[in-house]
């Protein structure tokens, strides 16, 4: 079965960036296709964020706080500034 995976060339070896279900010592054919610089740059930029950044948002809407913030934003902002001044 043929499939495409991402890999990195490092210290003279090709290292897969994805898990491969292969037996130890199994031989495979490798076709090398360079990734365009623009695509490489965007992946590098994405690495600056922790992998679990989006996971921290899971359940954010299920809190017991206010759920009408978009409708009453001016009221909530006024309350926040009033408390800050106290």
N, C-alpha and C. Protein backbone atom coordinates (compact mmCIF):
# COMPACT_ATOMS: atom_id res chain seq x y z
N UNK A 1 0.85 -1.18 0.00
CA UNK A 1 0.00 0.00 0.00
C UNK A 1 0.89 1.24 0.00
N UNK A 2 0.67 2.14 -0.92
CA UNK A 2 1.46 3.37 -1.00
C UNK A 2 0.72 4.50 -0.30
N UNK A 3 1.47 5.33 0.40
CA UNK A 3 0.89 6.53 1.02
C UNK A 3 1.98 7.57 1.16
N UNK A 4 1.57 8.81 1.30
CA UNK A 4 2.50 9.93 1.46
C UNK A 4 2.58 10.31 2.93
N UNK A 5 3.79 10.51 3.43
CA UNK A 5 3.97 10.99 4.80
C UNK A 5 5.01 12.10 4.78
N UNK A 6 5.02 12.91 5.81
CA UNK A 6 6.04 13.94 5.95
C UNK A 6 7.23 13.34 6.69
N UNK A 7 8.42 13.77 6.31
CA UNK A 7 9.63 13.31 6.97
C UNK A 7 10.63 14.45 6.97
N UNK A 8 11.66 14.30 7.81
CA UNK A 8 12.69 15.33 7.90
C UNK A 8 14.04 14.65 7.69
N UNK A 9 14.91 15.28 6.90
CA UNK A 9 16.26 14.79 6.69
C UNK A 9 17.13 15.43 7.75
N UNK A 10 17.74 14.63 8.62
CA UNK A 10 18.55 15.14 9.72
C UNK A 10 19.72 14.21 9.97
N UNK A 11 20.90 14.77 10.06
CA UNK A 11 22.12 14.01 10.35
C UNK A 11 22.29 12.83 9.41
N UNK A 12 21.99 13.06 8.13
CA UNK A 12 22.20 12.03 7.12
C UNK A 12 21.12 10.96 7.06
N UNK A 13 20.03 11.11 7.82
CA UNK A 13 18.97 10.11 7.82
C UNK A 13 17.61 10.77 7.59
N UNK A 14 16.71 10.02 7.01
CA UNK A 14 15.34 10.48 6.83
C UNK A 14 14.53 9.99 8.02
N UNK A 15 13.92 10.95 8.76
CA UNK A 15 13.14 10.62 9.95
C UNK A 15 11.67 10.92 9.69
N UNK A 16 10.80 9.92 9.76
CA UNK A 16 9.37 10.16 9.55
C UNK A 16 8.81 11.05 10.66
N UNK A 17 7.89 11.93 10.30
CA UNK A 17 7.22 12.79 11.27
C UNK A 17 5.87 12.22 11.67
N UNK A 18 5.57 11.03 11.18
CA UNK A 18 4.33 10.34 11.50
C UNK A 18 4.65 8.91 11.90
N UNK A 19 3.76 8.31 12.67
CA UNK A 19 3.95 6.91 13.08
C UNK A 19 3.78 5.99 11.87
N UNK A 20 4.69 5.06 11.71
CA UNK A 20 4.60 4.08 10.63
C UNK A 20 4.42 2.70 11.24
N UNK A 21 3.43 1.98 10.76
CA UNK A 21 3.21 0.62 11.25
C UNK A 21 4.02 -0.33 10.39
N UNK A 22 5.31 -0.44 10.72
CA UNK A 22 6.22 -1.31 9.99
C UNK A 22 6.90 -2.25 10.96
N UNK A 23 7.25 -3.44 10.47
CA UNK A 23 8.00 -4.39 11.27
C UNK A 23 9.47 -4.00 11.25
N UNK A 24 10.18 -4.27 12.34
CA UNK A 24 11.61 -3.99 12.42
C UNK A 24 12.33 -4.69 11.27
N UNK A 25 13.12 -3.95 10.54
CA UNK A 25 13.89 -4.50 9.43
C UNK A 25 13.14 -4.55 8.11
N UNK A 26 11.86 -4.18 8.11
CA UNK A 26 11.06 -4.20 6.88
C UNK A 26 11.61 -3.15 5.91
N UNK A 27 11.69 -3.51 4.64
CA UNK A 27 12.19 -2.58 3.63
C UNK A 27 11.02 -1.91 2.92
N UNK A 28 11.22 -0.64 2.56
CA UNK A 28 10.19 0.13 1.85
C UNK A 28 10.85 0.93 0.74
N UNK A 29 10.07 1.35 -0.24
CA UNK A 29 10.53 2.28 -1.25
C UNK A 29 10.24 3.69 -0.77
N UNK A 30 11.17 4.61 -1.01
CA UNK A 30 10.97 6.00 -0.62
C UNK A 30 11.12 6.87 -1.85
N UNK A 31 10.14 7.74 -2.04
CA UNK A 31 10.18 8.73 -3.10
C UNK A 31 10.34 10.09 -2.43
N UNK A 32 11.33 10.87 -2.84
CA UNK A 32 11.61 12.15 -2.17
C UNK A 32 11.05 13.29 -2.99
N UNK A 33 10.22 14.11 -2.36
CA UNK A 33 9.62 15.29 -2.98
C UNK A 33 9.86 16.45 -2.02
N UNK A 34 10.60 17.45 -2.45
CA UNK A 34 10.88 18.58 -1.56
C UNK A 34 9.63 19.42 -1.34
N UNK A 35 9.49 19.93 -0.13
CA UNK A 35 8.37 20.79 0.22
C UNK A 35 8.74 22.21 -0.16
N UNK A 36 7.85 22.94 -0.87
CA UNK A 36 8.15 24.32 -1.24
C UNK A 36 8.45 25.18 0.00
N UNK A 37 9.34 26.14 -0.16
CA UNK A 37 9.78 26.98 0.96
C UNK A 37 8.61 27.66 1.65
N UNK A 38 7.61 28.12 0.92
CA UNK A 38 6.46 28.80 1.51
C UNK A 38 5.71 27.87 2.47
N UNK A 39 5.51 26.62 2.09
CA UNK A 39 4.82 25.66 2.95
C UNK A 39 5.67 25.31 4.16
N UNK A 40 6.98 25.19 3.99
CA UNK A 40 7.88 24.92 5.11
C UNK A 40 7.82 26.05 6.12
N UNK A 41 7.81 27.30 5.63
CA UNK A 41 7.78 28.46 6.51
C UNK A 41 6.51 28.48 7.34
N UNK A 42 5.36 28.16 6.74
CA UNK A 42 4.10 28.21 7.49
C UNK A 42 4.06 27.11 8.54
N UNK A 43 4.66 25.95 8.29
CA UNK A 43 4.69 24.89 9.31
C UNK A 43 5.60 25.28 10.46
N UNK A 44 6.71 25.96 10.17
CA UNK A 44 7.62 26.37 11.23
C UNK A 44 6.93 27.38 12.14
N UNK A 45 6.17 28.30 11.55
CA UNK A 45 5.47 29.29 12.33
C UNK A 45 4.46 28.63 13.26
N UNK A 46 3.81 27.58 12.80
CA UNK A 46 2.81 26.90 13.61
C UNK A 46 3.44 26.23 14.83
N UNK A 47 4.71 25.89 14.76
CA UNK A 47 5.37 25.22 15.87
C UNK A 47 5.53 26.14 17.08
N UNK A 48 5.40 27.45 16.89
CA UNK A 48 5.60 28.36 18.01
C UNK A 48 4.47 28.29 19.03
N UNK A 49 3.37 27.62 18.70
CA UNK A 49 2.26 27.46 19.61
C UNK A 49 2.30 26.06 20.22
N UNK A 50 2.02 25.92 21.50
CA UNK A 50 2.00 24.59 22.10
C UNK A 50 0.96 23.70 21.42
N UNK A 51 1.22 22.43 21.37
CA UNK A 51 0.32 21.49 20.70
C UNK A 51 -1.06 21.46 21.32
N UNK A 52 -1.15 21.75 22.61
CA UNK A 52 -2.45 21.64 23.28
C UNK A 52 -3.18 22.98 23.39
N UNK A 53 -2.77 24.00 22.65
CA UNK A 53 -3.43 25.30 22.73
C UNK A 53 -4.93 25.21 22.47
N UNK A 54 -5.30 24.48 21.43
CA UNK A 54 -6.72 24.36 21.11
C UNK A 54 -7.44 23.48 22.12
N UNK A 55 -6.73 22.51 22.69
CA UNK A 55 -7.38 21.65 23.67
C UNK A 55 -7.79 22.43 24.92
N UNK A 56 -7.09 23.51 25.22
CA UNK A 56 -7.45 24.32 26.38
C UNK A 56 -8.79 25.01 26.20
N UNK A 57 -9.23 25.15 24.95
CA UNK A 57 -10.50 25.80 24.67
C UNK A 57 -11.69 24.85 24.81
N UNK A 58 -11.42 23.55 24.84
CA UNK A 58 -12.51 22.58 24.93
C UNK A 58 -13.29 22.82 26.22
N UNK A 59 -14.57 22.95 26.09
CA UNK A 59 -15.43 23.14 27.24
C UNK A 59 -15.52 24.57 27.73
N UNK A 60 -14.90 25.51 27.02
CA UNK A 60 -14.90 26.90 27.49
C UNK A 60 -16.32 27.47 27.54
N UNK A 61 -17.19 26.99 26.65
CA UNK A 61 -18.57 27.49 26.63
C UNK A 61 -19.47 26.80 27.63
N UNK A 62 -18.95 25.82 28.35
CA UNK A 62 -19.77 25.09 29.30
C UNK A 62 -19.57 25.58 30.73
N UNK A 63 -18.86 26.68 30.88
CA UNK A 63 -18.64 27.23 32.22
C UNK A 63 -19.93 27.78 32.80
N UNK A 64 -19.89 28.13 34.07
CA UNK A 64 -21.09 28.64 34.72
C UNK A 64 -21.15 30.17 34.67
N UNK A 65 -20.23 30.79 33.97
CA UNK A 65 -20.22 32.25 33.86
C UNK A 65 -21.27 32.75 32.89
N UNK A 66 -21.16 34.03 32.57
CA UNK A 66 -22.13 34.66 31.67
C UNK A 66 -22.08 34.04 30.29
N UNK A 67 -23.24 33.85 29.69
CA UNK A 67 -23.30 33.29 28.34
C UNK A 67 -23.84 34.30 27.34
N UNK A 68 -24.14 35.50 27.81
CA UNK A 68 -24.72 36.52 26.93
C UNK A 68 -23.76 37.68 26.72
N UNK A 69 -22.46 37.40 26.75
CA UNK A 69 -21.46 38.46 26.68
C UNK A 69 -21.58 39.26 25.38
N UNK A 70 -21.81 38.60 24.25
CA UNK A 70 -21.90 39.35 22.99
C UNK A 70 -23.09 40.29 22.97
N UNK A 71 -24.16 39.94 23.67
CA UNK A 71 -25.34 40.80 23.69
C UNK A 71 -25.21 41.94 24.70
N UNK A 72 -24.48 41.71 25.78
CA UNK A 72 -24.38 42.70 26.85
C UNK A 72 -22.94 43.17 27.08
N UNK A 73 -22.16 43.23 26.01
CA UNK A 73 -20.73 43.55 26.16
C UNK A 73 -20.51 44.90 26.83
N UNK A 74 -21.33 45.89 26.52
CA UNK A 74 -21.14 47.23 27.09
C UNK A 74 -21.37 47.21 28.61
N UNK A 75 -22.37 46.47 29.04
CA UNK A 75 -22.65 46.35 30.47
C UNK A 75 -21.48 45.67 31.19
N UNK A 76 -20.99 44.56 30.63
CA UNK A 76 -19.89 43.83 31.26
C UNK A 76 -18.61 44.66 31.28
N UNK A 77 -18.35 45.42 30.21
CA UNK A 77 -17.16 46.29 30.18
C UNK A 77 -17.28 47.39 31.23
N UNK A 78 -18.46 47.99 31.33
CA UNK A 78 -18.67 49.05 32.33
C UNK A 78 -18.48 48.50 33.73
N UNK A 79 -19.01 47.31 33.99
CA UNK A 79 -18.83 46.69 35.31
C UNK A 79 -17.35 46.41 35.60
N UNK A 80 -16.64 45.92 34.59
CA UNK A 80 -15.21 45.60 34.77
C UNK A 80 -14.41 46.87 35.08
N UNK A 81 -14.69 47.96 34.34
CA UNK A 81 -13.97 49.22 34.61
C UNK A 81 -14.34 49.80 35.97
N UNK A 82 -15.59 49.65 36.37
CA UNK A 82 -16.02 50.15 37.69
C UNK A 82 -15.31 49.40 38.80
N UNK A 83 -15.15 48.09 38.66
CA UNK A 83 -14.45 47.29 39.68
C UNK A 83 -12.96 47.61 39.70
N UNK A 84 -12.39 47.90 38.54
CA UNK A 84 -10.96 48.21 38.45
C UNK A 84 -10.67 49.53 39.16
N UNK A 85 -11.58 50.47 39.08
CA UNK A 85 -11.40 51.77 39.71
C UNK A 85 -11.59 51.74 41.22
N UNK A 86 -12.23 50.72 41.73
CA UNK A 86 -12.52 50.62 43.18
C UNK A 86 -11.30 50.30 43.98
